[in-house]
Amino acid sequence: MADPPRTAKASVVRKDGSPHVVPVGVIMDGDDIIYTCQKDSVKGRSLQRDGRIAMLWDDERPPFSFVLVRGRATLSEDLDELRTWTARIGGRYHGRAREEEFSDRFTIPNGVVVRVKVEHIVAKVNLSETVNVKNP
């Protein structure tokens, strides 16, 4: 997750119970995972209703690895906080010189900061070397 920065696949539960999975740019704040979204997006509406979330980072190159996190999310509509986190996330993925550009672009009135409190982690490395798959 750390280097190079990878997007996470964030999974939330829709109102009808079906999953919704999308890539999101993230940054760590201590043990918390931070990303931003629009309050009225599927992610935003789902997390307001049910704060459960799962996030996955995977390395798709052999020998394959992944980190899966489950947790609970809270949302903040504070525009100063949104400005800070959009800048930091933009800088993480596009370079610190572009932080202000991303802050200006993504600090919008219906934007929210999503803070994920991690409750469970599963991590696996070298999957193609360690997993024994039997054909039926």
N, C-alpha and C. Protein backbone atom coordinates (compact mmCIF):
# COMPACT_ATOMS: atom_id res chain seq x y z
N MET A 1 0.82 -1.19 0.00
CA MET A 1 0.00 0.00 0.00
C MET A 1 0.87 1.25 0.00
N ALA A 2 2.03 1.17 0.62
CA ALA A 2 2.82 2.37 0.84
C ALA A 2 3.62 2.82 -0.37
N ASP A 3 4.35 1.92 -1.01
CA ASP A 3 5.25 2.36 -2.06
C ASP A 3 5.33 1.31 -3.16
N PRO A 4 4.99 1.60 -4.39
CA PRO A 4 4.40 2.87 -4.82
C PRO A 4 2.97 2.99 -4.31
N PRO A 5 2.46 4.22 -4.22
CA PRO A 5 1.08 4.37 -3.72
C PRO A 5 0.09 3.68 -4.65
N ARG A 6 -0.74 2.86 -4.07
CA ARG A 6 -1.78 2.16 -4.84
C ARG A 6 -3.14 2.66 -4.38
N THR A 7 -4.08 2.67 -5.30
CA THR A 7 -5.45 2.96 -4.88
C THR A 7 -5.99 1.74 -4.15
N ALA A 8 -6.95 1.99 -3.28
CA ALA A 8 -7.65 0.91 -2.60
C ALA A 8 -8.95 0.64 -3.34
N LYS A 9 -9.41 -0.58 -3.27
CA LYS A 9 -10.76 -0.89 -3.74
C LYS A 9 -11.64 -0.82 -2.51
N ALA A 10 -12.54 0.16 -2.47
CA ALA A 10 -13.42 0.35 -1.33
C ALA A 10 -14.76 -0.30 -1.63
N SER A 11 -15.24 -1.10 -0.69
CA SER A 11 -16.50 -1.81 -0.86
C SER A 11 -17.46 -1.42 0.25
N VAL A 12 -18.64 -0.95 -0.16
CA VAL A 12 -19.70 -0.58 0.78
C VAL A 12 -20.95 -1.37 0.44
N VAL A 13 -21.93 -1.31 1.33
CA VAL A 13 -23.18 -2.04 1.15
C VAL A 13 -24.26 -1.08 0.68
N ARG A 14 -24.82 -1.33 -0.50
CA ARG A 14 -25.92 -0.51 -1.01
C ARG A 14 -27.18 -0.74 -0.18
N LYS A 15 -28.14 0.15 -0.37
CA LYS A 15 -29.40 0.07 0.36
C LYS A 15 -30.09 -1.27 0.14
N ASP A 16 -29.97 -1.84 -1.07
CA ASP A 16 -30.62 -3.13 -1.36
C ASP A 16 -29.79 -4.32 -0.90
N GLY A 17 -28.65 -4.06 -0.25
CA GLY A 17 -27.80 -5.13 0.27
C GLY A 17 -26.71 -5.59 -0.67
N SER A 18 -26.72 -5.10 -1.90
CA SER A 18 -25.69 -5.51 -2.86
C SER A 18 -24.40 -4.72 -2.62
N PRO A 19 -23.27 -5.27 -3.04
CA PRO A 19 -22.00 -4.58 -2.85
C PRO A 19 -21.77 -3.50 -3.90
N HIS A 20 -21.01 -2.49 -3.53
CA HIS A 20 -20.57 -1.44 -4.44
C HIS A 20 -19.07 -1.30 -4.21
N VAL A 21 -18.27 -1.51 -5.25
CA VAL A 21 -16.81 -1.48 -5.13
C VAL A 21 -16.23 -0.48 -6.11
N VAL A 22 -15.39 0.43 -5.61
CA VAL A 22 -14.76 1.44 -6.45
C VAL A 22 -13.33 1.70 -5.98
N PRO A 23 -12.45 2.13 -6.89
CA PRO A 23 -11.10 2.50 -6.47
C PRO A 23 -11.11 3.89 -5.83
N VAL A 24 -10.31 4.05 -4.78
CA VAL A 24 -10.19 5.35 -4.11
C VAL A 24 -8.74 5.60 -3.75
N GLY A 25 -8.33 6.86 -3.83
CA GLY A 25 -7.02 7.27 -3.35
C GLY A 25 -7.10 7.47 -1.85
N VAL A 26 -6.11 6.98 -1.12
CA VAL A 26 -6.16 7.01 0.34
C VAL A 26 -4.85 7.52 0.92
N ILE A 27 -4.92 7.85 2.20
CA ILE A 27 -3.72 8.20 2.96
C ILE A 27 -3.97 7.77 4.40
N MET A 28 -2.91 7.47 5.11
CA MET A 28 -3.04 7.05 6.50
C MET A 28 -2.95 8.26 7.42
N ASP A 29 -3.71 8.22 8.51
CA ASP A 29 -3.62 9.19 9.59
C ASP A 29 -3.52 8.37 10.88
N GLY A 30 -2.29 8.08 11.28
CA GLY A 30 -2.09 7.14 12.38
C GLY A 30 -2.55 5.77 11.92
N ASP A 31 -3.48 5.17 12.66
CA ASP A 31 -4.02 3.86 12.29
C ASP A 31 -5.26 3.97 11.42
N ASP A 32 -5.74 5.18 11.18
CA ASP A 32 -6.96 5.39 10.39
C ASP A 32 -6.62 5.55 8.91
N ILE A 33 -7.56 5.13 8.07
CA ILE A 33 -7.44 5.30 6.62
C ILE A 33 -8.36 6.44 6.23
N ILE A 34 -7.85 7.37 5.43
CA ILE A 34 -8.61 8.55 5.01
C ILE A 34 -8.76 8.56 3.51
N TYR A 35 -9.98 8.85 3.04
CA TYR A 35 -10.20 9.19 1.64
C TYR A 35 -11.35 10.18 1.58
N THR A 36 -11.62 10.72 0.41
CA THR A 36 -12.70 11.68 0.27
C THR A 36 -13.66 11.21 -0.82
N CYS A 37 -14.89 11.68 -0.71
CA CYS A 37 -15.89 11.37 -1.74
C CYS A 37 -16.99 12.42 -1.65
N GLN A 38 -17.97 12.32 -2.51
CA GLN A 38 -19.12 13.21 -2.45
C GLN A 38 -20.17 12.60 -1.53
N LYS A 39 -20.78 13.45 -0.73
CA LYS A 39 -21.77 13.00 0.24
C LYS A 39 -22.93 12.27 -0.42
N ASP A 40 -23.31 12.71 -1.63
CA ASP A 40 -24.47 12.11 -2.30
C ASP A 40 -24.10 11.00 -3.29
N SER A 41 -22.83 10.57 -3.28
CA SER A 41 -22.42 9.44 -4.13
C SER A 41 -22.92 8.14 -3.50
N VAL A 42 -22.83 7.05 -4.24
CA VAL A 42 -23.21 5.75 -3.68
C VAL A 42 -22.38 5.47 -2.42
N LYS A 43 -21.07 5.74 -2.48
CA LYS A 43 -20.22 5.54 -1.30
C LYS A 43 -20.70 6.40 -0.14
N GLY A 44 -20.91 7.67 -0.39
CA GLY A 44 -21.31 8.58 0.67
C GLY A 44 -22.65 8.21 1.30
N ARG A 45 -23.64 7.95 0.46
CA ARG A 45 -24.97 7.58 0.98
C ARG A 45 -24.91 6.26 1.75
N SER A 46 -24.18 5.30 1.21
CA SER A 46 -24.08 3.99 1.86
C SER A 46 -23.41 4.11 3.23
N LEU A 47 -22.34 4.88 3.32
CA LEU A 47 -21.63 5.01 4.58
C LEU A 47 -22.41 5.82 5.61
N GLN A 48 -23.24 6.76 5.16
CA GLN A 48 -24.10 7.48 6.10
C GLN A 48 -25.12 6.53 6.73
N ARG A 49 -25.61 5.60 5.93
CA ARG A 49 -26.63 4.66 6.38
C ARG A 49 -26.02 3.51 7.19
N ASP A 50 -24.87 3.01 6.73
CA ASP A 50 -24.24 1.83 7.32
C ASP A 50 -22.73 2.03 7.19
N GLY A 51 -22.06 2.31 8.26
CA GLY A 51 -20.65 2.68 8.22
C GLY A 51 -19.68 1.55 7.92
N ARG A 52 -20.19 0.33 7.70
CA ARG A 52 -19.27 -0.78 7.44
C ARG A 52 -18.61 -0.61 6.07
N ILE A 53 -17.32 -0.94 6.04
CA ILE A 53 -16.56 -0.82 4.79
C ILE A 53 -15.46 -1.87 4.77
N ALA A 54 -15.15 -2.33 3.58
CA ALA A 54 -13.98 -3.19 3.36
C ALA A 54 -13.11 -2.51 2.31
N MET A 55 -11.80 -2.61 2.48
CA MET A 55 -10.87 -2.01 1.54
C MET A 55 -9.79 -3.03 1.20
N LEU A 56 -9.44 -3.07 -0.08
CA LEU A 56 -8.46 -4.04 -0.56
C LEU A 56 -7.38 -3.33 -1.36
N TRP A 57 -6.13 -3.69 -1.06
CA TRP A 57 -4.98 -3.30 -1.88
C TRP A 57 -4.39 -4.59 -2.38
N ASP A 58 -4.11 -4.65 -3.68
CA ASP A 58 -3.50 -5.87 -4.19
C ASP A 58 -2.37 -5.55 -5.15
N ASP A 59 -1.41 -6.45 -5.17
CA ASP A 59 -0.32 -6.38 -6.12
C ASP A 59 -0.63 -7.46 -7.15
N GLU A 60 -0.96 -7.04 -8.36
CA GLU A 60 -1.40 -7.97 -9.40
C GLU A 60 -0.25 -8.64 -10.13
N ARG A 61 0.96 -8.35 -9.71
CA ARG A 61 2.14 -8.96 -10.34
C ARG A 61 2.55 -10.21 -9.55
N PRO A 62 2.96 -11.25 -10.27
CA PRO A 62 3.44 -12.44 -9.57
C PRO A 62 4.58 -12.06 -8.64
N PRO A 63 4.64 -12.63 -7.48
CA PRO A 63 3.89 -13.77 -6.96
C PRO A 63 2.58 -13.39 -6.25
N PHE A 64 2.08 -12.18 -6.43
CA PHE A 64 0.78 -11.72 -5.95
C PHE A 64 0.73 -11.59 -4.41
N SER A 65 0.16 -10.47 -3.98
CA SER A 65 -0.02 -10.18 -2.56
C SER A 65 -1.25 -9.30 -2.40
N PHE A 66 -1.78 -9.26 -1.18
CA PHE A 66 -2.90 -8.35 -0.92
C PHE A 66 -3.00 -8.02 0.56
N VAL A 67 -3.67 -6.91 0.83
CA VAL A 67 -4.06 -6.52 2.18
C VAL A 67 -5.55 -6.20 2.13
N LEU A 68 -6.32 -6.83 3.01
CA LEU A 68 -7.75 -6.59 3.12
C LEU A 68 -8.03 -6.03 4.51
N VAL A 69 -8.76 -4.92 4.54
CA VAL A 69 -9.10 -4.25 5.80
C VAL A 69 -10.61 -4.15 5.90
N ARG A 70 -11.13 -4.46 7.08
CA ARG A 70 -12.54 -4.19 7.37
C ARG A 70 -12.59 -3.21 8.51
N GLY A 71 -13.59 -2.31 8.45
CA GLY A 71 -13.71 -1.34 9.51
C GLY A 71 -15.01 -0.58 9.45
N ARG A 72 -15.05 0.50 10.22
CA ARG A 72 -16.22 1.38 10.28
C ARG A 72 -15.77 2.78 9.88
N ALA A 73 -16.61 3.43 9.09
CA ALA A 73 -16.28 4.76 8.59
C ALA A 73 -17.16 5.82 9.22
N THR A 74 -16.56 6.98 9.44
CA THR A 74 -17.32 8.18 9.82
C THR A 74 -17.04 9.23 8.75
N LEU A 75 -17.99 10.14 8.57
CA LEU A 75 -17.87 11.17 7.55
C LEU A 75 -17.84 12.55 8.20
N SER A 76 -17.01 13.42 7.65
CA SER A 76 -16.93 14.81 8.10
C SER A 76 -17.19 15.74 6.92
N GLU A 77 -18.06 16.72 7.14
CA GLU A 77 -18.36 17.70 6.10
C GLU A 77 -17.56 18.99 6.27
N ASP A 78 -16.64 19.03 7.22
CA ASP A 78 -15.85 20.22 7.49
C ASP A 78 -14.97 20.56 6.27
N LEU A 79 -15.19 21.74 5.66
CA LEU A 79 -14.47 22.09 4.43
C LEU A 79 -12.97 22.30 4.65
N ASP A 80 -12.57 22.80 5.82
CA ASP A 80 -11.14 22.95 6.09
C ASP A 80 -10.46 21.58 6.18
N GLU A 81 -11.14 20.64 6.82
CA GLU A 81 -10.60 19.28 6.89
C GLU A 81 -10.55 18.65 5.50
N LEU A 82 -11.60 18.88 4.71
CA LEU A 82 -11.64 18.36 3.34
C LEU A 82 -10.49 18.93 2.52
N ARG A 83 -10.25 20.23 2.65
CA ARG A 83 -9.15 20.87 1.91
C ARG A 83 -7.81 20.24 2.29
N THR A 84 -7.60 20.04 3.57
CA THR A 84 -6.34 19.44 4.04
C THR A 84 -6.13 18.05 3.45
N TRP A 85 -7.17 17.20 3.54
CA TRP A 85 -7.00 15.81 3.11
C TRP A 85 -6.97 15.67 1.60
N THR A 86 -7.71 16.49 0.85
CA THR A 86 -7.62 16.40 -0.61
C THR A 86 -6.22 16.80 -1.07
N ALA A 87 -5.62 17.78 -0.41
CA ALA A 87 -4.25 18.18 -0.75
C ALA A 87 -3.28 17.05 -0.46
N ARG A 88 -3.38 16.45 0.72
CA ARG A 88 -2.44 15.40 1.10
C ARG A 88 -2.58 14.16 0.22
N ILE A 89 -3.83 13.78 -0.09
CA ILE A 89 -4.04 12.62 -0.95
C ILE A 89 -3.53 12.90 -2.36
N GLY A 90 -3.84 14.09 -2.89
CA GLY A 90 -3.34 14.47 -4.21
C GLY A 90 -1.83 14.46 -4.26
N GLY A 91 -1.19 14.97 -3.21
CA GLY A 91 0.26 14.97 -3.14
C GLY A 91 0.85 13.58 -3.07
N ARG A 92 0.16 12.68 -2.39
CA ARG A 92 0.66 11.31 -2.27
C ARG A 92 0.73 10.62 -3.63
N TYR A 93 -0.28 10.84 -4.46
CA TYR A 93 -0.34 10.14 -5.75
C TYR A 93 0.28 10.92 -6.90
N HIS A 94 0.34 12.24 -6.79
CA HIS A 94 0.77 13.06 -7.94
C HIS A 94 1.95 13.97 -7.64
N GLY A 95 2.48 13.90 -6.43
CA GLY A 95 3.62 14.73 -6.06
C GLY A 95 3.18 15.94 -5.24
N ARG A 96 4.01 16.28 -4.27
CA ARG A 96 3.67 17.37 -3.35
C ARG A 96 3.48 18.70 -4.07
N ALA A 97 4.15 18.89 -5.19
CA ALA A 97 4.02 20.15 -5.93
C ALA A 97 2.60 20.38 -6.43
N ARG A 98 1.80 19.31 -6.51
CA ARG A 98 0.43 19.43 -7.04
C ARG A 98 -0.64 19.42 -5.94
N GLU A 99 -0.23 19.47 -4.68
CA GLU A 99 -1.21 19.41 -3.58
C GLU A 99 -2.27 20.50 -3.69
N GLU A 100 -1.86 21.73 -3.92
CA GLU A 100 -2.82 22.84 -3.98
C GLU A 100 -3.81 22.64 -5.13
N GLU A 101 -3.31 22.19 -6.27
CA GLU A 101 -4.18 21.93 -7.42
C GLU A 101 -5.29 20.93 -7.06
N PHE A 102 -4.91 19.84 -6.41
CA PHE A 102 -5.91 18.83 -6.06
C PHE A 102 -6.84 19.32 -4.96
N SER A 103 -6.31 20.09 -4.03
CA SER A 103 -7.15 20.67 -2.99
C SER A 103 -8.20 21.59 -3.60
N ASP A 104 -7.79 22.43 -4.54
CA ASP A 104 -8.73 23.34 -5.20
C ASP A 104 -9.77 22.57 -6.01
N ARG A 105 -9.35 21.51 -6.67
CA ARG A 105 -10.24 20.75 -7.54
C ARG A 105 -11.27 19.93 -6.75
N PHE A 106 -10.87 19.37 -5.62
CA PHE A 106 -11.73 18.41 -4.93
C PHE A 106 -12.34 18.91 -3.62
N THR A 107 -12.04 20.15 -3.23
CA THR A 107 -12.72 20.72 -2.07
C THR A 107 -14.00 21.36 -2.56
N ILE A 108 -15.08 20.60 -2.48
CA ILE A 108 -16.37 21.02 -3.02
C ILE A 108 -17.42 20.96 -1.91
N PRO A 109 -18.48 21.76 -2.04
CA PRO A 109 -19.47 21.85 -0.96
C PRO A 109 -20.09 20.52 -0.54
N ASN A 110 -20.26 19.57 -1.45
CA ASN A 110 -20.86 18.29 -1.05
C ASN A 110 -19.81 17.21 -0.79
N GLY A 111 -18.55 17.62 -0.68
CA GLY A 111 -17.48 16.67 -0.40
C GLY A 111 -17.42 16.31 1.07
N VAL A 112 -16.97 15.10 1.35
CA VAL A 112 -16.80 14.64 2.73
C VAL A 112 -15.47 13.93 2.88
N VAL A 113 -14.95 13.98 4.09
CA VAL A 113 -13.77 13.20 4.46
C VAL A 113 -14.26 11.91 5.10
N VAL A 114 -13.80 10.80 4.59
CA VAL A 114 -14.15 9.49 5.14
C VAL A 114 -12.97 9.00 5.98
N ARG A 115 -13.24 8.73 7.25
CA ARG A 115 -12.21 8.22 8.16
C ARG A 115 -12.60 6.79 8.53
N VAL A 116 -11.74 5.85 8.18
CA VAL A 116 -12.01 4.43 8.45
C VAL A 116 -11.21 4.00 9.67
N LYS A 117 -11.91 3.54 10.68
CA LYS A 117 -11.30 2.94 11.87
C LYS A 117 -11.16 1.44 11.58
N VAL A 118 -9.95 0.98 11.50
CA VAL A 118 -9.67 -0.41 11.13
C VAL A 118 -10.05 -1.34 12.28
N GLU A 119 -10.83 -2.38 11.94
CA GLU A 119 -11.23 -3.39 12.93
C GLU A 119 -10.59 -4.75 12.67
N HIS A 120 -10.24 -5.04 11.42
CA HIS A 120 -9.71 -6.37 11.07
C HIS A 120 -8.81 -6.24 9.84
N ILE A 121 -7.69 -6.94 9.85
CA ILE A 121 -6.75 -6.93 8.72
C ILE A 121 -6.38 -8.37 8.35
N VAL A 122 -6.38 -8.65 7.05
CA VAL A 122 -5.85 -9.91 6.52
C VAL A 122 -4.83 -9.52 5.46
N ALA A 123 -3.63 -10.06 5.55
CA ALA A 123 -2.59 -9.77 4.56
C ALA A 123 -1.94 -11.07 4.14
N LYS A 124 -1.73 -11.21 2.85
CA LYS A 124 -1.07 -12.40 2.30
C LYS A 124 -0.04 -11.95 1.28
N VAL A 125 1.13 -12.57 1.33
CA VAL A 125 2.19 -12.28 0.36
C VAL A 125 2.56 -13.56 -0.38
N ASN A 126 3.10 -13.37 -1.57
CA ASN A 126 3.58 -14.49 -2.38
C ASN A 126 2.52 -15.58 -2.55
N LEU A 127 1.34 -15.18 -2.95
CA LEU A 127 0.23 -16.13 -3.06
C LEU A 127 0.52 -17.28 -4.02
N SER A 128 1.13 -16.99 -5.14
CA SER A 128 1.37 -18.06 -6.12
C SER A 128 2.44 -19.03 -5.64
N GLU A 129 3.19 -18.66 -4.63
CA GLU A 129 4.22 -19.55 -4.10
C GLU A 129 3.77 -20.29 -2.85
N THR A 130 2.70 -19.82 -2.19
CA THR A 130 2.33 -20.40 -0.90
C THR A 130 0.97 -21.07 -0.89
N VAL A 131 0.12 -20.78 -1.84
CA VAL A 131 -1.22 -21.35 -1.85
C VAL A 131 -1.22 -22.62 -2.68
N ASN A 132 -1.74 -23.68 -2.12
CA ASN A 132 -1.84 -24.96 -2.81
C ASN A 132 -3.27 -25.11 -3.32
N VAL A 133 -3.46 -24.94 -4.61
CA VAL A 133 -4.78 -25.05 -5.21
C VAL A 133 -4.89 -26.42 -5.87
N LYS A 134 -5.94 -27.16 -5.51
CA LYS A 134 -6.16 -28.49 -6.09
C LYS A 134 -7.27 -28.41 -7.11
N ASN A 135 -7.04 -29.00 -8.25
CA ASN A 135 -8.08 -29.07 -9.28
C ASN A 135 -9.04 -30.20 -8.95
N PRO A 136 -10.35 -29.98 -9.18
CA PRO A 136 -11.32 -31.04 -8.89
C PRO A 136 -11.17 -32.22 -9.82
